[in-house]
Full PDB file with SEQRES, HELIX, SHEET, SSBOND, CRYST1, ORIGX, SCALE, CONECT and MASTER records, all heavy atoms in Angstrom:
SEQRES   1 A   34  CYS GLU GLN TRP ASN ASN LEU ALA GLU THR PRO MET THR          
SEQRES   2 A   34  PRO LEU THR PRO ASP GLN ALA GLN ALA ARG HIS ALA SER          
SEQRES   3 A   34  GLY ASP LEU TYR THR ALA VAL ALA                              
HELIX    1 AA1 PRO A   17  SER A   26  1                                  10    
SHEET    1 AA1 2 GLN A   3  ASN A   5  0                                        
SHEET    2 AA1 2 THR A  10  MET A  12 -1                                        
CRYST1    1.000    1.000    1.000  90.00  90.00  90.00 P 1           1          
ORIGX1      1.000000  0.000000  0.000000        0.00000                         
ORIGX2      0.000000  1.000000  0.000000        0.00000                         
ORIGX3      0.000000  0.000000  1.000000        0.00000                         
SCALE1      1.000000  0.000000  0.000000        0.00000                         
SCALE2      0.000000  1.000000  0.000000        0.00000                         
SCALE3      0.000000  0.000000  1.000000        0.00000                         
ATOM      1  N   CYS A   1      -2.172   0.510   0.255  1.00  0.00           N  
ATOM      2  CA  CYS A   1      -2.103  -0.801   0.276  1.00  0.00           C  
ATOM      3  C   CYS A   1      -0.611  -1.274   0.150  1.00  0.00           C  
ATOM      4  O   CYS A   1       0.312  -0.498  -0.153  1.00  0.00           O  
ATOM      5  CB  CYS A   1      -2.843  -1.606  -0.786  1.00  0.00           C  
ATOM      6  SG  CYS A   1      -2.412  -1.149  -2.448  1.00  0.00           S  
ATOM      7  N   GLU A   2      -0.348  -2.646   0.415  1.00  0.00           N  
ATOM      8  CA  GLU A   2       1.088  -3.055   0.166  1.00  0.00           C  
ATOM      9  C   GLU A   2       1.307  -3.195  -1.315  1.00  0.00           C  
ATOM     10  O   GLU A   2       2.355  -2.625  -1.726  1.00  0.00           O  
ATOM     11  CB  GLU A   2       1.145  -4.510   0.784  1.00  0.00           C  
ATOM     12  CG  GLU A   2       2.618  -4.958   0.721  1.00  0.00           C  
ATOM     13  CD  GLU A   2       2.757  -6.144   1.548  1.00  0.00           C  
ATOM     14  OE1 GLU A   2       2.600  -6.110   2.832  1.00  0.00           O  
ATOM     15  OE2 GLU A   2       3.165  -7.263   1.010  1.00  0.00           O  
ATOM     16  N   GLN A   3       0.426  -3.761  -2.107  1.00  0.00           N  
ATOM     17  CA  GLN A   3       0.607  -3.825  -3.539  1.00  0.00           C  
ATOM     18  C   GLN A   3      -0.766  -3.791  -4.237  1.00  0.00           C  
ATOM     19  O   GLN A   3      -1.779  -3.978  -3.691  1.00  0.00           O  
ATOM     20  CB  GLN A   3       1.322  -5.049  -3.992  1.00  0.00           C  
ATOM     21  CG  GLN A   3       2.842  -5.015  -3.604  1.00  0.00           C  
ATOM     22  CD  GLN A   3       3.615  -6.168  -4.080  1.00  0.00           C  
ATOM     23  OE1 GLN A   3       3.391  -7.332  -3.671  1.00  0.00           O  
ATOM     24  NE2 GLN A   3       4.430  -5.954  -5.042  1.00  0.00           N  
ATOM     25  N   TRP A   4      -0.677  -3.428  -5.555  1.00  0.00           N  
ATOM     26  CA  TRP A   4      -1.971  -3.436  -6.311  1.00  0.00           C  
ATOM     27  C   TRP A   4      -1.973  -4.838  -7.060  1.00  0.00           C  
ATOM     28  O   TRP A   4      -1.020  -5.269  -7.722  1.00  0.00           O  
ATOM     29  CB  TRP A   4      -1.750  -2.246  -7.411  1.00  0.00           C  
ATOM     30  CG  TRP A   4      -2.926  -2.187  -8.197  1.00  0.00           C  
ATOM     31  CD1 TRP A   4      -3.050  -2.628  -9.604  1.00  0.00           C  
ATOM     32  CD2 TRP A   4      -4.280  -1.670  -7.929  1.00  0.00           C  
ATOM     33  NE1 TRP A   4      -4.274  -2.354 -10.045  1.00  0.00           N  
ATOM     34  CE2 TRP A   4      -5.102  -1.743  -9.075  1.00  0.00           C  
ATOM     35  CE3 TRP A   4      -4.858  -1.097  -6.741  1.00  0.00           C  
ATOM     36  CZ2 TRP A   4      -6.442  -1.386  -9.095  1.00  0.00           C  
ATOM     37  CZ3 TRP A   4      -6.166  -0.781  -6.860  1.00  0.00           C  
ATOM     38  CH2 TRP A   4      -7.022  -0.848  -8.054  1.00  0.00           C  
ATOM     39  N   ASN A   5      -3.211  -5.399  -7.158  1.00  0.00           N  
ATOM     40  CA  ASN A   5      -3.434  -6.595  -7.883  1.00  0.00           C  
ATOM     41  C   ASN A   5      -3.969  -6.236  -9.333  1.00  0.00           C  
ATOM     42  O   ASN A   5      -5.173  -5.851  -9.448  1.00  0.00           O  
ATOM     43  CB  ASN A   5      -4.332  -7.558  -7.142  1.00  0.00           C  
ATOM     44  CG  ASN A   5      -4.541  -8.868  -7.792  1.00  0.00           C  
ATOM     45  OD1 ASN A   5      -4.604  -8.977  -9.102  1.00  0.00           O  
ATOM     46  ND2 ASN A   5      -4.861  -9.802  -6.958  1.00  0.00           N  
ATOM     47  N   ASN A   6      -3.216  -6.364 -10.388  1.00  0.00           N  
ATOM     48  CA  ASN A   6      -3.725  -5.970 -11.677  1.00  0.00           C  
ATOM     49  C   ASN A   6      -4.819  -6.944 -12.169  1.00  0.00           C  
ATOM     50  O   ASN A   6      -5.716  -6.438 -12.847  1.00  0.00           O  
ATOM     51  CB  ASN A   6      -2.560  -6.137 -12.714  1.00  0.00           C  
ATOM     52  CG  ASN A   6      -1.780  -4.771 -12.861  1.00  0.00           C  
ATOM     53  OD1 ASN A   6      -2.099  -3.809 -12.245  1.00  0.00           O  
ATOM     54  ND2 ASN A   6      -0.661  -4.889 -13.709  1.00  0.00           N  
ATOM     55  N   LEU A   7      -4.844  -8.171 -11.862  1.00  0.00           N  
ATOM     56  CA  LEU A   7      -5.880  -9.132 -12.259  1.00  0.00           C  
ATOM     57  C   LEU A   7      -7.165  -8.722 -11.665  1.00  0.00           C  
ATOM     58  O   LEU A   7      -8.217  -8.739 -12.254  1.00  0.00           O  
ATOM     59  CB  LEU A   7      -5.487 -10.497 -12.011  1.00  0.00           C  
ATOM     60  CG  LEU A   7      -4.205 -11.132 -12.851  1.00  0.00           C  
ATOM     61  CD1 LEU A   7      -4.010 -12.493 -12.470  1.00  0.00           C  
ATOM     62  CD2 LEU A   7      -4.603 -10.969 -14.318  1.00  0.00           C  
ATOM     63  N   ALA A   8      -7.234  -8.617 -10.375  1.00  0.00           N  
ATOM     64  CA  ALA A   8      -8.466  -8.416  -9.625  1.00  0.00           C  
ATOM     65  C   ALA A   8      -8.726  -6.746  -9.663  1.00  0.00           C  
ATOM     66  O   ALA A   8      -9.928  -6.412  -9.307  1.00  0.00           O  
ATOM     67  CB  ALA A   8      -8.382  -8.807  -8.207  1.00  0.00           C  
ATOM     68  N   GLU A   9      -7.860  -5.919  -9.990  1.00  0.00           N  
ATOM     69  CA  GLU A   9      -7.973  -4.497  -9.998  1.00  0.00           C  
ATOM     70  C   GLU A   9      -8.363  -3.954  -8.578  1.00  0.00           C  
ATOM     71  O   GLU A   9      -9.283  -3.161  -8.537  1.00  0.00           O  
ATOM     72  CB  GLU A   9      -8.974  -3.955 -11.094  1.00  0.00           C  
ATOM     73  CG  GLU A   9      -8.590  -4.420 -12.501  1.00  0.00           C  
ATOM     74  CD  GLU A   9      -9.633  -4.096 -13.499  1.00  0.00           C  
ATOM     75  OE1 GLU A   9     -10.167  -3.024 -13.456  1.00  0.00           O  
ATOM     76  OE2 GLU A   9     -10.003  -4.968 -14.407  1.00  0.00           O  
ATOM     77  N   THR A  10      -7.741  -4.495  -7.631  1.00  0.00           N  
ATOM     78  CA  THR A  10      -7.956  -4.135  -6.281  1.00  0.00           C  
ATOM     79  C   THR A  10      -6.762  -4.058  -5.380  1.00  0.00           C  
ATOM     80  O   THR A  10      -5.625  -4.752  -5.840  1.00  0.00           O  
ATOM     81  CB  THR A  10      -8.981  -5.227  -5.555  1.00  0.00           C  
ATOM     82  OG1 THR A  10      -8.273  -6.439  -5.556  1.00  0.00           O  
ATOM     83  CG2 THR A  10     -10.208  -5.221  -6.202  1.00  0.00           C  
ATOM     84  N   PRO A  11      -6.666  -3.439  -4.280  1.00  0.00           N  
ATOM     85  CA  PRO A  11      -5.536  -3.332  -3.492  1.00  0.00           C  
ATOM     86  C   PRO A  11      -5.258  -4.650  -2.723  1.00  0.00           C  
ATOM     87  O   PRO A  11      -6.254  -5.437  -2.445  1.00  0.00           O  
ATOM     88  CB  PRO A  11      -5.712  -2.294  -2.451  1.00  0.00           C  
ATOM     89  CG  PRO A  11      -7.081  -1.799  -2.720  1.00  0.00           C  
ATOM     90  CD  PRO A  11      -7.602  -2.550  -3.826  1.00  0.00           C  
ATOM     91  N   MET A  12      -4.077  -5.057  -2.573  1.00  0.00           N  
ATOM     92  CA  MET A  12      -3.720  -6.228  -1.798  1.00  0.00           C  
ATOM     93  C   MET A  12      -3.208  -5.755  -0.478  1.00  0.00           C  
ATOM     94  O   MET A  12      -2.309  -4.854  -0.323  1.00  0.00           O  
ATOM     95  CB  MET A  12      -2.608  -7.157  -2.529  1.00  0.00           C  
ATOM     96  CG  MET A  12      -3.039  -7.668  -3.775  1.00  0.00           C  
ATOM     97  SD  MET A  12      -1.654  -8.512  -4.716  1.00  0.00           S  
ATOM     98  CE  MET A  12      -0.775  -9.308  -3.484  1.00  0.00           C  
ATOM     99  N   THR A  13      -3.557  -6.329   0.615  1.00  0.00           N  
ATOM    100  CA  THR A  13      -3.220  -5.864   2.013  1.00  0.00           C  
ATOM    101  C   THR A  13      -3.431  -4.450   2.199  1.00  0.00           C  
ATOM    102  O   THR A  13      -2.459  -3.638   2.119  1.00  0.00           O  
ATOM    103  CB  THR A  13      -1.682  -6.350   2.305  1.00  0.00           C  
ATOM    104  OG1 THR A  13      -1.509  -7.689   1.775  1.00  0.00           O  
ATOM    105  CG2 THR A  13      -1.553  -6.142   3.754  1.00  0.00           C  
ATOM    106  N   PRO A  14      -4.620  -4.023   2.323  1.00  0.00           N  
ATOM    107  CA  PRO A  14      -5.024  -2.552   2.495  1.00  0.00           C  
ATOM    108  C   PRO A  14      -4.219  -2.054   3.826  1.00  0.00           C  
ATOM    109  O   PRO A  14      -4.048  -2.766   4.675  1.00  0.00           O  
ATOM    110  CB  PRO A  14      -6.428  -2.464   2.778  1.00  0.00           C  
ATOM    111  CG  PRO A  14      -7.013  -3.787   2.101  1.00  0.00           C  
ATOM    112  CD  PRO A  14      -5.850  -4.811   2.276  1.00  0.00           C  
ATOM    113  N   LEU A  15      -3.829  -0.660   3.699  1.00  0.00           N  
ATOM    114  CA  LEU A  15      -3.133  -0.052   4.677  1.00  0.00           C  
ATOM    115  C   LEU A  15      -3.792   1.080   5.226  1.00  0.00           C  
ATOM    116  O   LEU A  15      -4.420   1.772   4.327  1.00  0.00           O  
ATOM    117  CB  LEU A  15      -1.654   0.252   4.391  1.00  0.00           C  
ATOM    118  CG  LEU A  15      -0.865  -0.861   3.916  1.00  0.00           C  
ATOM    119  CD1 LEU A  15       0.537  -0.303   3.303  1.00  0.00           C  
ATOM    120  CD2 LEU A  15      -0.393  -1.818   5.061  1.00  0.00           C  
ATOM    121  N   THR A  16      -3.896   1.514   6.423  1.00  0.00           N  
ATOM    122  CA  THR A  16      -4.269   2.824   6.925  1.00  0.00           C  
ATOM    123  C   THR A  16      -3.294   3.804   6.436  1.00  0.00           C  
ATOM    124  O   THR A  16      -2.125   3.571   6.192  1.00  0.00           O  
ATOM    125  CB  THR A  16      -4.504   2.864   8.332  1.00  0.00           C  
ATOM    126  OG1 THR A  16      -3.210   2.841   8.930  1.00  0.00           O  
ATOM    127  CG2 THR A  16      -5.476   1.852   8.860  1.00  0.00           C  
ATOM    128  N   PRO A  17      -3.638   5.134   6.322  1.00  0.00           N  
ATOM    129  CA  PRO A  17      -2.604   6.152   5.986  1.00  0.00           C  
ATOM    130  C   PRO A  17      -1.505   6.075   7.098  1.00  0.00           C  
ATOM    131  O   PRO A  17      -0.314   6.422   6.611  1.00  0.00           O  
ATOM    132  CB  PRO A  17      -3.505   7.457   6.111  1.00  0.00           C  
ATOM    133  CG  PRO A  17      -4.825   7.024   5.714  1.00  0.00           C  
ATOM    134  CD  PRO A  17      -5.031   5.715   6.311  1.00  0.00           C  
ATOM    135  N   ASP A  18      -1.778   5.910   8.303  1.00  0.00           N  
ATOM    136  CA  ASP A  18      -0.659   5.846   9.350  1.00  0.00           C  
ATOM    137  C   ASP A  18       0.275   4.668   9.061  1.00  0.00           C  
ATOM    138  O   ASP A  18       1.501   4.869   9.182  1.00  0.00           O  
ATOM    139  CB  ASP A  18      -1.261   5.811  10.729  1.00  0.00           C  
ATOM    140  CG  ASP A  18      -1.919   7.093  11.214  1.00  0.00           C  
ATOM    141  OD1 ASP A  18      -1.630   8.098  10.642  1.00  0.00           O  
ATOM    142  OD2 ASP A  18      -2.754   7.032  12.125  1.00  0.00           O  
ATOM    143  N   GLN A  19      -0.319   3.540   8.623  1.00  0.00           N  
ATOM    144  CA  GLN A  19       0.564   2.372   8.349  1.00  0.00           C  
ATOM    145  C   GLN A  19       1.381   2.617   7.154  1.00  0.00           C  
ATOM    146  O   GLN A  19       2.598   2.354   6.981  1.00  0.00           O  
ATOM    147  CB  GLN A  19      -0.342   1.164   8.157  1.00  0.00           C  
ATOM    148  CG  GLN A  19      -0.982   0.610   9.359  1.00  0.00           C  
ATOM    149  CD  GLN A  19      -1.922  -0.508   9.068  1.00  0.00           C  
ATOM    150  OE1 GLN A  19      -2.663  -0.440   8.145  1.00  0.00           O  
ATOM    151  NE2 GLN A  19      -2.037  -1.531   9.972  1.00  0.00           N  
ATOM    152  N   ALA A  20       0.797   3.274   6.113  1.00  0.00           N  
ATOM    153  CA  ALA A  20       1.487   3.631   4.939  1.00  0.00           C  
ATOM    154  C   ALA A  20       2.600   4.637   5.114  1.00  0.00           C  
ATOM    155  O   ALA A  20       3.743   4.443   4.658  1.00  0.00           O  
ATOM    156  CB  ALA A  20       0.565   4.042   3.728  1.00  0.00           C  
ATOM    157  N   GLN A  21       2.300   5.602   5.957  1.00  0.00           N  
ATOM    158  CA  GLN A  21       3.274   6.585   6.339  1.00  0.00           C  
ATOM    159  C   GLN A  21       4.432   5.992   7.156  1.00  0.00           C  
ATOM    160  O   GLN A  21       5.637   6.381   6.843  1.00  0.00           O  
ATOM    161  CB  GLN A  21       2.709   7.699   7.239  1.00  0.00           C  
ATOM    162  CG  GLN A  21       3.593   8.850   7.431  1.00  0.00           C  
ATOM    163  CD  GLN A  21       2.915  10.078   8.002  1.00  0.00           C  
ATOM    164  OE1 GLN A  21       1.835  10.018   8.387  1.00  0.00           O  
ATOM    165  NE2 GLN A  21       3.573  11.186   7.929  1.00  0.00           N  
ATOM    166  N   ALA A  22       4.084   4.943   7.902  1.00  0.00           N  
ATOM    167  CA  ALA A  22       5.237   4.322   8.668  1.00  0.00           C  
ATOM    168  C   ALA A  22       6.157   3.653   7.671  1.00  0.00           C  
ATOM    169  O   ALA A  22       7.348   3.548   7.813  1.00  0.00           O  
ATOM    170  CB  ALA A  22       4.658   3.456   9.752  1.00  0.00           C  
ATOM    171  N   ARG A  23       5.467   2.959   6.698  1.00  0.00           N  
ATOM    172  CA  ARG A  23       6.218   2.251   5.731  1.00  0.00           C  
ATOM    173  C   ARG A  23       7.171   3.222   4.823  1.00  0.00           C  
ATOM    174  O   ARG A  23       8.268   2.884   4.491  1.00  0.00           O  
ATOM    175  CB  ARG A  23       5.411   1.445   4.672  1.00  0.00           C  
ATOM    176  CG  ARG A  23       4.911   0.268   5.425  1.00  0.00           C  
ATOM    177  CD  ARG A  23       3.780  -0.541   4.586  1.00  0.00           C  
ATOM    178  NE  ARG A  23       3.497  -1.817   5.178  1.00  0.00           N  
ATOM    179  CZ  ARG A  23       3.679  -2.912   4.666  1.00  0.00           C  
ATOM    180  NH1 ARG A  23       4.240  -3.085   3.518  1.00  0.00           N  
ATOM    181  NH2 ARG A  23       3.267  -4.104   5.245  1.00  0.00           N  
ATOM    182  N   HIS A  24       6.551   4.376   4.535  1.00  0.00           N  
ATOM    183  CA  HIS A  24       7.305   5.319   3.766  1.00  0.00           C  
ATOM    184  C   HIS A  24       8.579   5.800   4.621  1.00  0.00           C  
ATOM    185  O   HIS A  24       9.663   5.782   4.002  1.00  0.00           O  
ATOM    186  CB  HIS A  24       6.422   6.625   3.511  1.00  0.00           C  
ATOM    187  CG  HIS A  24       7.127   7.674   2.709  1.00  0.00           C  
ATOM    188  ND1 HIS A  24       6.895   7.718   1.331  1.00  0.00           N  
ATOM    189  CD2 HIS A  24       7.894   8.736   3.060  1.00  0.00           C  
ATOM    190  CE1 HIS A  24       7.646   8.667   0.886  1.00  0.00           C  
ATOM    191  NE2 HIS A  24       8.111   9.380   1.891  1.00  0.00           N  
ATOM    192  N   ALA A  25       8.365   6.044   5.933  1.00  0.00           N  
ATOM    193  CA  ALA A  25       9.538   6.457   6.851  1.00  0.00           C  
ATOM    194  C   ALA A  25      10.577   5.280   6.921  1.00  0.00           C  
ATOM    195  O   ALA A  25      11.741   5.660   6.955  1.00  0.00           O  
ATOM    196  CB  ALA A  25       8.939   6.852   8.147  1.00  0.00           C  
ATOM    197  N   SER A  26      10.088   4.012   7.076  1.00  0.00           N  
ATOM    198  CA  SER A  26      10.995   2.996   7.223  1.00  0.00           C  
ATOM    199  C   SER A  26      11.635   2.396   5.910  1.00  0.00           C  
ATOM    200  O   SER A  26      12.606   1.682   5.964  1.00  0.00           O  
ATOM    201  CB  SER A  26      10.388   1.803   7.935  1.00  0.00           C  
ATOM    202  OG  SER A  26       9.368   1.205   7.143  1.00  0.00           O  
ATOM    203  N   GLY A  27      11.048   2.798   4.787  1.00  0.00           N  
ATOM    204  CA  GLY A  27      11.580   2.397   3.476  1.00  0.00           C  
ATOM    205  C   GLY A  27      10.938   1.129   3.007  1.00  0.00           C  
ATOM    206  O   GLY A  27      11.358   0.497   1.966  1.00  0.00           O  
ATOM    207  N   ASP A  28       9.959   0.600   3.700  1.00  0.00           N  
ATOM    208  CA  ASP A  28       9.308  -0.625   3.286  1.00  0.00           C  
ATOM    209  C   ASP A  28       8.201  -0.328   2.158  1.00  0.00           C  
ATOM    210  O   ASP A  28       7.778   0.720   2.071  1.00  0.00           O  
ATOM    211  CB  ASP A  28       8.478  -1.243   4.575  1.00  0.00           C  
ATOM    212  CG  ASP A  28       9.403  -1.807   5.532  1.00  0.00           C  
ATOM    213  OD1 ASP A  28      10.585  -2.076   5.230  1.00  0.00           O  
ATOM    214  OD2 ASP A  28       9.009  -1.837   6.766  1.00  0.00           O  
ATOM    215  N   LEU A  29       8.029  -1.434   1.462  1.00  0.00           N  
ATOM    216  CA  LEU A  29       7.013  -1.311   0.237  1.00  0.00           C  
ATOM    217  C   LEU A  29       5.634  -0.881   0.674  1.00  0.00           C  
ATOM    218  O   LEU A  29       5.157  -1.336   1.632  1.00  0.00           O  
ATOM    219  CB  LEU A  29       7.042  -2.701  -0.418  1.00  0.00           C  
ATOM    220  CG  LEU A  29       5.975  -2.798  -1.583  1.00  0.00           C  
ATOM    221  CD1 LEU A  29       6.393  -1.943  -2.782  1.00  0.00           C  
ATOM    222  CD2 LEU A  29       5.783  -4.170  -1.948  1.00  0.00           C  
ATOM    223  N   TYR A  30       5.186   0.098  -0.085  1.00  0.00           N  
ATOM    224  CA  TYR A  30       3.656   0.440   0.048  1.00  0.00           C  
ATOM    225  C   TYR A  30       3.300   0.976  -1.246  1.00  0.00           C  
ATOM    226  O   TYR A  30       4.069   1.484  -2.049  1.00  0.00           O  
ATOM    227  CB  TYR A  30       3.431   1.341   1.118  1.00  0.00           C  
ATOM    228  CG  TYR A  30       3.769   2.831   0.980  1.00  0.00           C  
ATOM    229  CD1 TYR A  30       2.771   3.718   0.466  1.00  0.00           C  
ATOM    230  CD2 TYR A  30       5.031   3.325   1.153  1.00  0.00           C  
ATOM    231  CE1 TYR A  30       3.144   4.984   0.209  1.00  0.00           C  
ATOM    232  CE2 TYR A  30       5.406   4.637   0.844  1.00  0.00           C  
ATOM    233  CZ  TYR A  30       4.449   5.436   0.395  1.00  0.00           C  
ATOM    234  OH  TYR A  30       4.784   6.779   0.201  1.00  0.00           O  
ATOM    235  N   THR A  31       1.987   0.965  -1.500  1.00  0.00           N  
ATOM    236  CA  THR A  31       1.384   1.494  -2.765  1.00  0.00           C  
ATOM    237  C   THR A  31       0.364   2.528  -2.416  1.00  0.00           C  
ATOM    238  O   THR A  31      -0.445   2.285  -1.661  1.00  0.00           O  
ATOM    239  CB  THR A  31       0.873   0.437  -3.710  1.00  0.00           C  
ATOM    240  OG1 THR A  31       2.025  -0.547  -4.052  1.00  0.00           O  
ATOM    241  CG2 THR A  31       0.296   0.915  -5.062  1.00  0.00           C  
ATOM    242  N   ALA A  32       0.409   3.659  -3.055  1.00  0.00           N  
ATOM    243  CA  ALA A  32      -0.609   4.722  -3.091  1.00  0.00           C  
ATOM    244  C   ALA A  32      -1.444   4.693  -4.246  1.00  0.00           C  
ATOM    245  O   ALA A  32      -0.876   4.781  -5.422  1.00  0.00           O  
ATOM    246  CB  ALA A  32      -0.066   6.042  -2.798  1.00  0.00           C  
ATOM    247  N   VAL A  33      -2.782   4.468  -4.168  1.00  0.00           N  
ATOM    248  CA  VAL A  33      -3.628   4.430  -5.412  1.00  0.00           C  
ATOM    249  C   VAL A  33      -4.520   5.586  -5.437  1.00  0.00           C  
ATOM    250  O   VAL A  33      -5.259   5.929  -4.466  1.00  0.00           O  
ATOM    251  CB  VAL A  33      -4.500   3.129  -5.208  1.00  0.00           C  
ATOM    252  CG1 VAL A  33      -5.354   3.071  -6.593  1.00  0.00           C  
ATOM    253  CG2 VAL A  33      -3.576   1.907  -5.127  1.00  0.00           C  
ATOM    254  N   ALA A  34      -4.549   6.280  -6.520  1.00  0.00           N  
ATOM    255  CA  ALA A  34      -5.342   7.588  -6.672  1.00  0.00           C  
ATOM    256  C   ALA A  34      -6.598   7.266  -7.427  1.00  0.00           C  
ATOM    257  O   ALA A  34      -6.542   6.545  -8.535  1.00  0.00           O  
ATOM    258  CB  ALA A  34      -4.471   8.627  -7.363  1.00  0.00           C  
TER     259      ALA A  34                                                      
MASTER        0    0    0    1    2    0    0    6  258    1    0    3          
END                                                                             
């Protein structure tokens, strides 16, 4: 996701693995939740 929402305990702006990987490569913010 883009970020984690602590209050709702849910992801904000979910991302596909491909979208997150693109953000990783470009340096843009993303969050991986285990």
